[in-house]
Amino acid sequence: MSDDKPLAAWRAARSMGRMAVPGELALTKTHVVFEPKSKRAAGARFSVALKFVAAVGSAPGTGRLLSGGKADRLCLTLGDGSEWLFVIAELDDACTRIRERLTANR
């Protein structure tokens, strides 16, 4: 299996300030990758090697309609303390699958 082949993928939106950019969040053997649907979403692409992910969990929604509303978000905390948020309907599945890969990579 190639390291780039997705093991799992979810429709998601990346929380960016007061808006959420729609796209797809994918888990590969070595990375978590977010690809925006629109090329106009400059700066919205996200990719991180699992070795740099310190924690996976959920964060409460902001309540703002254009940023995903009140739904909890997937929160990836990196080793430097930064947090990356994603609105995703299958939150529990994503958390579980990413945690499993983190465990397998350590």
PDB file of N, CA and C in Angstrom:
ATOM      1  N   MET A   1       0.846  -1.183   0.000  1.00  0.00           N
ATOM      2  CA  MET A   1       0.000   0.000   0.000  1.00  0.00           C
ATOM      3  C   MET A   1       0.891   1.245   0.000  1.00  0.00           C
ATOM      4  N   SER A   2       0.545   2.176  -0.812  1.00  0.00           N
ATOM      5  CA  SER A   2       1.269   3.444  -0.875  1.00  0.00           C
ATOM      6  C   SER A   2       0.936   4.286   0.351  1.00  0.00           C
ATOM      7  N   ASP A   3       1.909   5.070   0.817  1.00  0.00           N
ATOM      8  CA  ASP A   3       1.666   5.951   1.952  1.00  0.00           C
ATOM      9  C   ASP A   3       0.636   7.018   1.623  1.00  0.00           C
ATOM     10  N   ASP A   4       0.437   7.323   0.341  1.00  0.00           N
ATOM     11  CA  ASP A   4      -0.490   8.375  -0.067  1.00  0.00           C
ATOM     12  C   ASP A   4      -1.912   7.877  -0.274  1.00  0.00           C
ATOM     13  N   LYS A   5      -2.099   6.567  -0.314  1.00  0.00           N
ATOM     14  CA  LYS A   5      -3.436   6.024  -0.539  1.00  0.00           C
ATOM     15  C   LYS A   5      -4.275   6.201   0.729  1.00  0.00           C
ATOM     16  N   PRO A   6      -5.451   6.832   0.625  1.00  0.00           N
ATOM     17  CA  PRO A   6      -6.268   7.064   1.817  1.00  0.00           C
ATOM     18  C   PRO A   6      -6.755   5.752   2.449  1.00  0.00           C
ATOM     19  N   LEU A   7      -6.602   5.672   3.765  1.00  0.00           N
ATOM     20  CA  LEU A   7      -7.155   4.565   4.528  1.00  0.00           C
ATOM     21  C   LEU A   7      -8.597   4.886   4.909  1.00  0.00           C
ATOM     22  N   ALA A   8      -8.886   6.170   5.017  1.00  0.00           N
ATOM     23  CA  ALA A   8     -10.231   6.653   5.327  1.00  0.00           C
ATOM     24  C   ALA A   8     -10.335   8.088   4.821  1.00  0.00           C
ATOM     25  N   ALA A   9     -11.554   8.484   4.471  1.00  0.00           N
ATOM     26  CA  ALA A   9     -11.788   9.859   4.003  1.00  0.00           C
ATOM     27  C   ALA A   9     -13.181  10.289   4.440  1.00  0.00           C
ATOM     28  N   TRP A  10     -13.297  11.564   4.760  1.00  0.00           N
ATOM     29  CA  TRP A  10     -14.563  12.117   5.220  1.00  0.00           C
ATOM     30  C   TRP A  10     -14.803  13.473   4.569  1.00  0.00           C
ATOM     31  N   ARG A  11     -16.080  13.768   4.275  1.00  0.00           N
ATOM     32  CA  ARG A  11     -16.434  15.131   3.871  1.00  0.00           C
ATOM     33  C   ARG A  11     -16.236  15.998   5.096  1.00  0.00           C
ATOM     34  N   ALA A  12     -15.581  17.114   4.903  1.00  0.00           N
ATOM     35  CA  ALA A  12     -15.250  17.971   6.049  1.00  0.00           C
ATOM     36  C   ALA A  12     -15.173  19.423   5.594  1.00  0.00           C
ATOM     37  N   ALA A  13     -15.034  20.295   6.557  1.00  0.00           N
ATOM     38  CA  ALA A  13     -14.782  21.708   6.282  1.00  0.00           C
ATOM     39  C   ALA A  13     -13.733  22.161   7.286  1.00  0.00           C
ATOM     40  N   ARG A  14     -12.790  22.936   6.803  1.00  0.00           N
ATOM     41  CA  ARG A  14     -11.739  23.445   7.676  1.00  0.00           C
ATOM     42  C   ARG A  14     -12.174  24.781   8.245  1.00  0.00           C
ATOM     43  N   SER A  15     -12.185  24.883   9.559  1.00  0.00           N
ATOM     44  CA  SER A  15     -12.542  26.136  10.221  1.00  0.00           C
ATOM     45  C   SER A  15     -11.412  27.133  10.025  1.00  0.00           C
ATOM     46  N   MET A  16     -11.752  28.266   9.409  1.00  0.00           N
ATOM     47  CA  MET A  16     -10.769  29.326   9.163  1.00  0.00           C
ATOM     48  C   MET A  16     -11.405  30.655   9.549  1.00  0.00           C
ATOM     49  N   GLY A  17     -11.104  31.100  10.755  1.00  0.00           N
ATOM     50  CA  GLY A  17     -11.681  32.365  11.210  1.00  0.00           C
ATOM     51  C   GLY A  17     -13.184  32.268  11.331  1.00  0.00           C
ATOM     52  N   ARG A  18     -13.887  33.107  10.584  1.00  0.00           N
ATOM     53  CA  ARG A  18     -15.341  33.134  10.662  1.00  0.00           C
ATOM     54  C   ARG A  18     -16.011  32.301   9.583  1.00  0.00           C
ATOM     55  N   MET A  19     -15.268  31.446   8.913  1.00  0.00           N
ATOM     56  CA  MET A  19     -15.882  30.630   7.870  1.00  0.00           C
ATOM     57  C   MET A  19     -15.327  29.214   7.891  1.00  0.00           C
ATOM     58  N   ALA A  20     -15.995  28.314   7.207  1.00  0.00           N
ATOM     59  CA  ALA A  20     -15.545  26.940   7.069  1.00  0.00           C
ATOM     60  C   ALA A  20     -15.396  26.645   5.579  1.00  0.00           C
ATOM     61  N   VAL A  21     -14.222  26.210   5.162  1.00  0.00           N
ATOM     62  CA  VAL A  21     -13.941  25.896   3.756  1.00  0.00           C
ATOM     63  C   VAL A  21     -14.249  24.418   3.525  1.00  0.00           C
ATOM     64  N   PRO A  22     -15.198  24.090   2.618  1.00  0.00           N
ATOM     65  CA  PRO A  22     -15.550  22.692   2.387  1.00  0.00           C
ATOM     66  C   PRO A  22     -14.466  21.931   1.627  1.00  0.00           C
ATOM     67  N   GLY A  23     -14.393  20.634   1.905  1.00  0.00           N
ATOM     68  CA  GLY A  23     -13.422  19.792   1.221  1.00  0.00           C
ATOM     69  C   GLY A  23     -13.479  18.373   1.731  1.00  0.00           C
ATOM     70  N   GLU A  24     -12.338  17.683   1.669  1.00  0.00           N
ATOM     71  CA  GLU A  24     -12.256  16.297   2.114  1.00  0.00           C
ATOM     72  C   GLU A  24     -11.055  16.135   3.041  1.00  0.00           C
ATOM     73  N   LEU A  25     -11.286  15.479   4.162  1.00  0.00           N
ATOM     74  CA  LEU A  25     -10.223  15.142   5.100  1.00  0.00           C
ATOM     75  C   LEU A  25      -9.891  13.674   4.886  1.00  0.00           C
ATOM     76  N   ALA A  26      -8.622  13.365   4.677  1.00  0.00           N
ATOM     77  CA  ALA A  26      -8.212  11.987   4.428  1.00  0.00           C
ATOM     78  C   ALA A  26      -7.119  11.575   5.397  1.00  0.00           C
ATOM     79  N   LEU A  27      -7.155  10.314   5.763  1.00  0.00           N
ATOM     80  CA  LEU A  27      -6.136   9.712   6.612  1.00  0.00           C
ATOM     81  C   LEU A  27      -5.353   8.723   5.766  1.00  0.00           C
ATOM     82  N   THR A  28      -4.045   8.913   5.688  1.00  0.00           N
ATOM     83  CA  THR A  28      -3.194   7.958   4.984  1.00  0.00           C
ATOM     84  C   THR A  28      -2.363   7.219   6.025  1.00  0.00           C
ATOM     85  N   LYS A  29      -1.507   6.371   5.576  1.00  0.00           N
ATOM     86  CA  LYS A  29      -0.655   5.606   6.483  1.00  0.00           C
ATOM     87  C   LYS A  29       0.236   6.519   7.328  1.00  0.00           C
ATOM     88  N   THR A  30       0.591   7.682   6.784  1.00  0.00           N
ATOM     89  CA  THR A  30       1.546   8.556   7.466  1.00  0.00           C
ATOM     90  C   THR A  30       1.079   9.992   7.679  1.00  0.00           C
ATOM     91  N   HIS A  31      -0.049  10.395   7.106  1.00  0.00           N
ATOM     92  CA  HIS A  31      -0.471  11.801   7.144  1.00  0.00           C
ATOM     93  C   HIS A  31      -1.978  11.961   7.358  1.00  0.00           C
ATOM     94  N   VAL A  32      -2.361  13.156   7.800  1.00  0.00           N
ATOM     95  CA  VAL A  32      -3.742  13.625   7.738  1.00  0.00           C
ATOM     96  C   VAL A  32      -3.715  14.775   6.744  1.00  0.00           C
ATOM     97  N   VAL A  33      -4.604  14.719   5.746  1.00  0.00           N
ATOM     98  CA  VAL A  33      -4.593  15.697   4.656  1.00  0.00           C
ATOM     99  C   VAL A  33      -5.998  16.254   4.456  1.00  0.00           C
ATOM    100  N   PHE A  34      -6.093  17.581   4.333  1.00  0.00           N
ATOM    101  CA  PHE A  34      -7.353  18.228   3.975  1.00  0.00           C
ATOM    102  C   PHE A  34      -7.173  18.887   2.626  1.00  0.00           C
ATOM    103  N   GLU A  35      -8.031  18.510   1.677  1.00  0.00           N
ATOM    104  CA  GLU A  35      -8.029  19.122   0.340  1.00  0.00           C
ATOM    105  C   GLU A  35      -9.321  19.907   0.173  1.00  0.00           C
ATOM    106  N   PRO A  36      -9.231  21.222  -0.048  1.00  0.00           N
ATOM    107  CA  PRO A  36     -10.448  22.017  -0.269  1.00  0.00           C
ATOM    108  C   PRO A  36     -11.073  21.659  -1.610  1.00  0.00           C
ATOM    109  N   LYS A  37     -12.392  21.831  -1.705  1.00  0.00           N
ATOM    110  CA  LYS A  37     -13.101  21.559  -2.962  1.00  0.00           C
ATOM    111  C   LYS A  37     -12.789  22.597  -4.018  1.00  0.00           C
ATOM    112  N   SER A  38     -12.566  23.825  -3.614  1.00  0.00           N
ATOM    113  CA  SER A  38     -12.368  24.926  -4.550  1.00  0.00           C
ATOM    114  C   SER A  38     -10.904  25.357  -4.573  1.00  0.00           C
ATOM    115  N   LYS A  39     -10.378  25.556  -5.750  1.00  0.00           N
ATOM    116  CA  LYS A  39      -9.007  26.055  -5.895  1.00  0.00           C
ATOM    117  C   LYS A  39      -8.908  27.507  -5.415  1.00  0.00           C
ATOM    118  N   ARG A  40     -10.072  28.178  -5.322  1.00  0.00           N
ATOM    119  CA  ARG A  40     -10.079  29.565  -4.857  1.00  0.00           C
ATOM    120  C   ARG A  40      -9.838  29.664  -3.356  1.00  0.00           C
ATOM    121  N   ALA A  41      -9.849  28.528  -2.668  1.00  0.00           N
ATOM    122  CA  ALA A  41      -9.646  28.523  -1.219  1.00  0.00           C
ATOM    123  C   ALA A  41      -8.152  28.476  -0.909  1.00  0.00           C
ATOM    124  N   ALA A  42      -7.435  29.463  -1.384  1.00  0.00           N
ATOM    125  CA  ALA A  42      -5.986  29.531  -1.195  1.00  0.00           C
ATOM    126  C   ALA A  42      -5.643  29.477   0.285  1.00  0.00           C
ATOM    127  N   GLY A  43      -4.677  28.657   0.633  1.00  0.00           N
ATOM    128  CA  GLY A  43      -4.241  28.532   2.011  1.00  0.00           C
ATOM    129  C   GLY A  43      -5.062  27.569   2.837  1.00  0.00           C
ATOM    130  N   ALA A  44      -6.082  26.960   2.253  1.00  0.00           N
ATOM    131  CA  ALA A  44      -6.943  26.062   3.019  1.00  0.00           C
ATOM    132  C   ALA A  44      -6.418  24.621   3.039  1.00  0.00           C
ATOM    133  N   ARG A  45      -5.519  24.261   2.115  1.00  0.00           N
ATOM    134  CA  ARG A  45      -4.994  22.897   2.106  1.00  0.00           C
ATOM    135  C   ARG A  45      -4.180  22.675   3.377  1.00  0.00           C
ATOM    136  N   PHE A  46      -4.299  21.472   3.927  1.00  0.00           N
ATOM    137  CA  PHE A  46      -3.612  21.146   5.173  1.00  0.00           C
ATOM    138  C   PHE A  46      -3.077  19.732   5.054  1.00  0.00           C
ATOM    139  N   SER A  47      -1.851  19.539   5.458  1.00  0.00           N
ATOM    140  CA  SER A  47      -1.250  18.213   5.486  1.00  0.00           C
ATOM    141  C   SER A  47      -0.258  18.170   6.631  1.00  0.00           C
ATOM    142  N   VAL A  48      -0.346  17.124   7.444  1.00  0.00           N
ATOM    143  CA  VAL A  48       0.594  16.973   8.554  1.00  0.00           C
ATOM    144  C   VAL A  48       0.948  15.495   8.707  1.00  0.00           C
ATOM    145  N   ALA A  49       2.216  15.240   8.928  1.00  0.00           N
ATOM    146  CA  ALA A  49       2.665  13.875   9.202  1.00  0.00           C
ATOM    147  C   ALA A  49       2.157  13.487  10.585  1.00  0.00           C
ATOM    148  N   LEU A  50       1.715  12.246  10.723  1.00  0.00           N
ATOM    149  CA  LEU A  50       1.175  11.779  11.990  1.00  0.00           C
ATOM    150  C   LEU A  50       2.184  11.890  13.130  1.00  0.00           C
ATOM    151  N   LYS A  51       3.460  11.830  12.806  1.00  0.00           N
ATOM    152  CA  LYS A  51       4.469  11.922  13.869  1.00  0.00           C
ATOM    153  C   LYS A  51       4.463  13.292  14.555  1.00  0.00           C
ATOM    154  N   PHE A  52       3.856  14.291  13.932  1.00  0.00           N
ATOM    155  CA  PHE A  52       3.770  15.623  14.518  1.00  0.00           C
ATOM    156  C   PHE A  52       2.449  15.884  15.237  1.00  0.00           C
ATOM    157  N   VAL A  53       1.516  14.921  15.185  1.00  0.00           N
ATOM    158  CA  VAL A  53       0.220  15.071  15.854  1.00  0.00           C
ATOM    159  C   VAL A  53       0.365  14.590  17.290  1.00  0.00           C
ATOM    160  N   ALA A  54       0.132  15.497  18.242  1.00  0.00           N
ATOM    161  CA  ALA A  54       0.267  15.169  19.663  1.00  0.00           C
ATOM    162  C   ALA A  54      -1.033  14.619  20.252  1.00  0.00           C
ATOM    163  N   ALA A  55      -2.191  15.105  19.747  1.00  0.00           N
ATOM    164  CA  ALA A  55      -3.477  14.674  20.294  1.00  0.00           C
ATOM    165  C   ALA A  55      -4.579  14.836  19.262  1.00  0.00           C
ATOM    166  N   VAL A  56      -5.622  14.026  19.422  1.00  0.00           N
ATOM    167  CA  VAL A  56      -6.814  14.084  18.572  1.00  0.00           C
ATOM    168  C   VAL A  56      -8.017  14.113  19.496  1.00  0.00           C
ATOM    169  N   GLY A  57      -8.947  15.028  19.239  1.00  0.00           N
ATOM    170  CA  GLY A  57     -10.138  15.106  20.068  1.00  0.00           C
ATOM    171  C   GLY A  57     -11.184  15.972  19.418  1.00  0.00           C
ATOM    172  N   SER A  58     -12.085  16.487  20.239  1.00  0.00           N
ATOM    173  CA  SER A  58     -13.126  17.362  19.714  1.00  0.00           C
ATOM    174  C   SER A  58     -13.079  18.695  20.445  1.00  0.00           C
ATOM    175  N   ALA A  59     -13.569  19.712  19.758  1.00  0.00           N
ATOM    176  CA  ALA A  59     -13.654  21.064  20.317  1.00  0.00           C
ATOM    177  C   ALA A  59     -15.076  21.556  20.069  1.00  0.00           C
ATOM    178  N   PRO A  60     -15.624  22.318  21.006  1.00  0.00           N
ATOM    179  CA  PRO A  60     -17.000  22.799  20.822  1.00  0.00           C
ATOM    180  C   PRO A  60     -17.117  23.792  19.671  1.00  0.00           C
ATOM    181  N   GLY A  61     -18.292  23.795  19.051  1.00  0.00           N
ATOM    182  CA  GLY A  61     -18.558  24.727  17.957  1.00  0.00           C
ATOM    183  C   GLY A  61     -18.658  26.158  18.451  1.00  0.00           C
ATOM    184  N   THR A  62     -18.530  27.074  17.512  1.00  0.00           N
ATOM    185  CA  THR A  62     -18.568  28.499  17.844  1.00  0.00           C
ATOM    186  C   THR A  62     -19.989  29.055  17.856  1.00  0.00           C
ATOM    187  N   GLY A  63     -20.892  28.378  17.175  1.00  0.00           N
ATOM    188  CA  GLY A  63     -22.255  28.862  17.057  1.00  0.00           C
ATOM    189  C   GLY A  63     -22.465  29.739  15.833  1.00  0.00           C
ATOM    190  N   ARG A  64     -21.385  30.132  15.160  1.00  0.00           N
ATOM    191  CA  ARG A  64     -21.493  30.961  13.950  1.00  0.00           C
ATOM    192  C   ARG A  64     -21.915  30.089  12.770  1.00  0.00           C
ATOM    193  N   LEU A  65     -22.933  30.507  12.079  1.00  0.00           N
ATOM    194  CA  LEU A  65     -23.501  29.727  10.982  1.00  0.00           C
ATOM    195  C   LEU A  65     -22.473  29.398   9.906  1.00  0.00           C
ATOM    196  N   LEU A  66     -21.694  30.371   9.454  1.00  0.00           N
ATOM    197  CA  LEU A  66     -20.761  30.145   8.355  1.00  0.00           C
ATOM    198  C   LEU A  66     -19.490  29.411   8.766  1.00  0.00           C
ATOM    199  N   SER A  67     -19.311  29.175  10.057  1.00  0.00           N
ATOM    200  CA  SER A  67     -18.123  28.433  10.494  1.00  0.00           C
ATOM    201  C   SER A  67     -18.483  27.047  11.006  1.00  0.00           C
ATOM    202  N   GLY A  68     -19.682  26.579  10.681  1.00  0.00           N
ATOM    203  CA  GLY A  68     -20.072  25.230  11.065  1.00  0.00           C
ATOM    204  C   GLY A  68     -21.092  25.154  12.183  1.00  0.00           C
ATOM    205  N   GLY A  69     -21.530  26.298  12.680  1.00  0.00           N
ATOM    206  CA  GLY A  69     -22.568  26.312  13.700  1.00  0.00           C
ATOM    207  C   GLY A  69     -22.101  25.796  15.052  1.00  0.00           C
ATOM    208  N   LYS A  70     -23.007  25.114  15.739  1.00  0.00           N
ATOM    209  CA  LYS A  70     -22.721  24.632  17.095  1.00  0.00           C
ATOM    210  C   LYS A  70     -22.119  23.233  17.116  1.00  0.00           C
ATOM    211  N   ALA A  71     -21.949  22.624  15.965  1.00  0.00           N
ATOM    212  CA  ALA A  71     -21.419  21.253  15.922  1.00  0.00           C
ATOM    213  C   ALA A  71     -19.991  21.199  16.454  1.00  0.00           C
ATOM    214  N   ASP A  72     -19.703  20.147  17.215  1.00  0.00           N
ATOM    215  CA  ASP A  72     -18.332  19.945  17.672  1.00  0.00           C
ATOM    216  C   ASP A  72     -17.433  19.715  16.472  1.00  0.00           C
ATOM    217  N   ARG A  73     -16.153  20.055  16.628  1.00  0.00           N
ATOM    218  CA  ARG A  73     -15.188  19.943  15.551  1.00  0.00           C
ATOM    219  C   ARG A  73     -14.107  18.931  15.902  1.00  0.00           C
ATOM    220  N   LEU A  74     -13.529  18.330  14.884  1.00  0.00           N
ATOM    221  CA  LEU A  74     -12.337  17.518  15.062  1.00  0.00           C
ATOM    222  C   LEU A  74     -11.195  18.476  15.356  1.00  0.00           C
ATOM    223  N   CYS A  75     -10.445  18.206  16.403  1.00  0.00           N
ATOM    224  CA  CYS A  75      -9.320  19.062  16.773  1.00  0.00           C
ATOM    225  C   CYS A  75      -8.040  18.239  16.743  1.00  0.00           C
ATOM    226  N   LEU A  76      -7.122  18.623  15.878  1.00  0.00           N
ATOM    227  CA  LEU A  76      -5.800  18.011  15.833  1.00  0.00           C
ATOM    228  C   LEU A  76      -4.842  18.970  16.527  1.00  0.00           C
ATOM    229  N   THR A  77      -4.216  18.512  17.601  1.00  0.00           N
ATOM    230  CA  THR A  77      -3.229  19.320  18.306  1.00  0.00           C
ATOM    231  C   THR A  77      -1.854  18.817  17.914  1.00  0.00           C
ATOM    232  N   LEU A  78      -1.031  19.729  17.414  1.00  0.00           N
ATOM    233  CA  LEU A  78       0.308  19.353  16.971  1.00  0.00           C
ATOM    234  C   LEU A  78       1.301  19.509  18.121  1.00  0.00           C
ATOM    235  N   GLY A  79       2.489  18.979  17.934  1.00  0.00           N
ATOM    236  CA  GLY A  79       3.521  19.024  18.948  1.00  0.00           C
ATOM    237  C   GLY A  79       3.903  20.426  19.373  1.00  0.00           C
ATOM    238  N   ASP A  80       3.706  21.417  18.492  1.00  0.00           N
ATOM    239  CA  ASP A  80       4.040  22.802  18.836  1.00  0.00           C
ATOM    240  C   ASP A  80       2.906  23.512  19.585  1.00  0.00           C
ATOM    241  N   GLY A  81       1.817  22.781  19.856  1.00  0.00           N
ATOM    242  CA  GLY A  81       0.685  23.353  20.582  1.00  0.00           C
ATOM    243  C   GLY A  81      -0.397  23.953  19.706  1.00  0.00           C
ATOM    244  N   SER A  82      -0.156  24.061  18.402  1.00  0.00           N
ATOM    245  CA  SER A  82      -1.173  24.630  17.513  1.00  0.00           C
ATOM    246  C   SER A  82      -2.338  23.648  17.355  1.00  0.00           C
ATOM    247  N   GLU A  83      -3.530  24.202  17.163  1.00  0.00           N
ATOM    248  CA  GLU A  83      -4.732  23.394  16.993  1.00  0.00           C
ATOM    249  C   GLU A  83      -5.349  23.662  15.631  1.00  0.00           C
ATOM    250  N   TRP A  84      -5.726  22.589  14.955  1.00  0.00           N
ATOM    251  CA  TRP A  84      -6.338  22.659  13.630  1.00  0.00           C
ATOM    252  C   TRP A  84      -7.719  22.042  13.747  1.00  0.00           C
ATOM    253  N   LEU A  85      -8.748  22.813  13.351  1.00  0.00           N
ATOM    254  CA  LEU A  85     -10.133  22.409  13.539  1.00  0.00           C
ATOM    255  C   LEU A  85     -10.816  22.086  12.221  1.00  0.00           C
ATOM    256  N   PHE A  86     -11.637  21.029  12.257  1.00  0.00           N
ATOM    257  CA  PHE A  86     -12.366  20.582  11.071  1.00  0.00           C
ATOM    258  C   PHE A  86     -13.791  20.227  11.467  1.00  0.00           C
ATOM    259  N   VAL A  87     -14.763  20.743  10.723  1.00  0.00           N
ATOM    260  CA  VAL A  87     -16.164  20.385  10.910  1.00  0.00           C
ATOM    261  C   VAL A  87     -16.369  19.095  10.124  1.00  0.00           C
ATOM    262  N   ILE A  88     -16.829  18.053  10.817  1.00  0.00           N
ATOM    263  CA  ILE A  88     -16.968  16.748  10.179  1.00  0.00           C
ATOM    264  C   ILE A  88     -18.144  16.010  10.805  1.00  0.00           C
ATOM    265  N   ALA A  89     -19.035  15.481   9.979  1.00  0.00           N
ATOM    266  CA  ALA A  89     -20.232  14.812  10.487  1.00  0.00           C
ATOM    267  C   ALA A  89     -19.867  13.521  11.232  1.00  0.00           C
ATOM    268  N   GLU A  90     -18.887  12.786  10.752  1.00  0.00           N
ATOM    269  CA  GLU A  90     -18.492  11.504  11.348  1.00  0.00           C
ATOM    270  C   GLU A  90     -17.360  11.725  12.356  1.00  0.00           C
ATOM    271  N   LEU A  91     -17.582  12.628  13.301  1.00  0.00           N
ATOM    272  CA  LEU A  91     -16.541  13.033  14.249  1.00  0.00           C
ATOM    273  C   LEU A  91     -15.978  11.859  15.042  1.00  0.00           C
ATOM    274  N   ASP A  92     -16.839  11.022  15.602  1.00  0.00           N
ATOM    275  CA  ASP A  92     -16.361   9.899  16.416  1.00  0.00           C
ATOM    276  C   ASP A  92     -15.528   8.927  15.585  1.00  0.00           C
ATOM    277  N   ASP A  93     -15.984   8.629  14.381  1.00  0.00           N
ATOM    278  CA  ASP A  93     -15.242   7.723  13.499  1.00  0.00           C
ATOM    279  C   ASP A  93     -13.875   8.299  13.154  1.00  0.00           C
ATOM    280  N   ALA A  94     -13.836   9.572  12.810  1.00  0.00           N
ATOM    281  CA  ALA A  94     -12.565  10.212  12.456  1.00  0.00           C
ATOM    282  C   ALA A  94     -11.599  10.198  13.638  1.00  0.00           C
ATOM    283  N   CYS A  95     -12.076  10.550  14.825  1.00  0.00           N
ATOM    284  CA  CYS A  95     -11.214  10.543  16.015  1.00  0.00           C
ATOM    285  C   CYS A  95     -10.651   9.141  16.258  1.00  0.00           C
ATOM    286  N   THR A  96     -11.513   8.151  16.183  1.00  0.00           N
ATOM    287  CA  THR A  96     -11.085   6.772  16.431  1.00  0.00           C
ATOM    288  C   THR A  96     -10.054   6.310  15.409  1.00  0.00           C
ATOM    289  N   ARG A  97     -10.335   6.531  14.134  1.00  0.00           N
ATOM    290  CA  ARG A  97      -9.420   6.069  13.076  1.00  0.00           C
ATOM    291  C   ARG A  97      -8.069   6.771  13.151  1.00  0.00           C
ATOM    292  N   ILE A  98      -8.074   8.072  13.413  1.00  0.00           N
ATOM    293  CA  ILE A  98      -6.808   8.814  13.491  1.00  0.00           C
ATOM    294  C   ILE A  98      -6.019   8.373  14.723  1.00  0.00           C
ATOM    295  N   ARG A  99      -6.701   8.182  15.846  1.00  0.00           N
ATOM    296  CA  ARG A  99      -6.005   7.707  17.058  1.00  0.00           C
ATOM    297  C   ARG A  99      -5.372   6.335  16.824  1.00  0.00           C
ATOM    298  N   GLU A 100      -6.082   5.456  16.119  1.00  0.00           N
ATOM    299  CA  GLU A 100      -5.539   4.124  15.819  1.00  0.00           C
ATOM    300  C   GLU A 100      -4.254   4.237  15.003  1.00  0.00           C
ATOM    301  N   ARG A 101      -4.242   5.133  14.006  1.00  0.00           N
ATOM    302  CA  ARG A 101      -3.036   5.321  13.195  1.00  0.00           C
ATOM    303  C   ARG A 101      -1.909   5.928  14.030  1.00  0.00           C
ATOM    304  N   LEU A 102      -2.248   6.850  14.920  1.00  0.00           N
ATOM    305  CA  LEU A 102      -1.222   7.441  15.786  1.00  0.00           C
ATOM    306  C   LEU A 102      -0.545   6.347  16.617  1.00  0.00           C
ATOM    307  N   THR A 103      -1.353   5.473  17.181  1.00  0.00           N
ATOM    308  CA  THR A 103      -0.835   4.371  17.991  1.00  0.00           C
ATOM    309  C   THR A 103       0.038   3.436  17.153  1.00  0.00           C
ATOM    310  N   ALA A 104      -0.396   3.145  15.949  1.00  0.00           N
ATOM    311  CA  ALA A 104       0.360   2.252  15.060  1.00  0.00           C
ATOM    312  C   ALA A 104       1.683   2.866  14.626  1.00  0.00           C
ATOM    313  N   ASN A 105       1.743   4.194  14.532  1.00  0.00           N
ATOM    314  CA  ASN A 105       2.959   4.881  14.077  1.00  0.00           C
ATOM    315  C   ASN A 105       3.951   5.143  15.193  1.00  0.00           C
ATOM    316  N   ARG A 106       3.579   4.897  16.427  1.00  0.00           N
ATOM    317  CA  ARG A 106       4.491   5.196  17.545  1.00  0.00           C
ATOM    318  C   ARG A 106       5.138   3.990  18.091  1.00  0.00           C
TER     319      ARG A 106
END
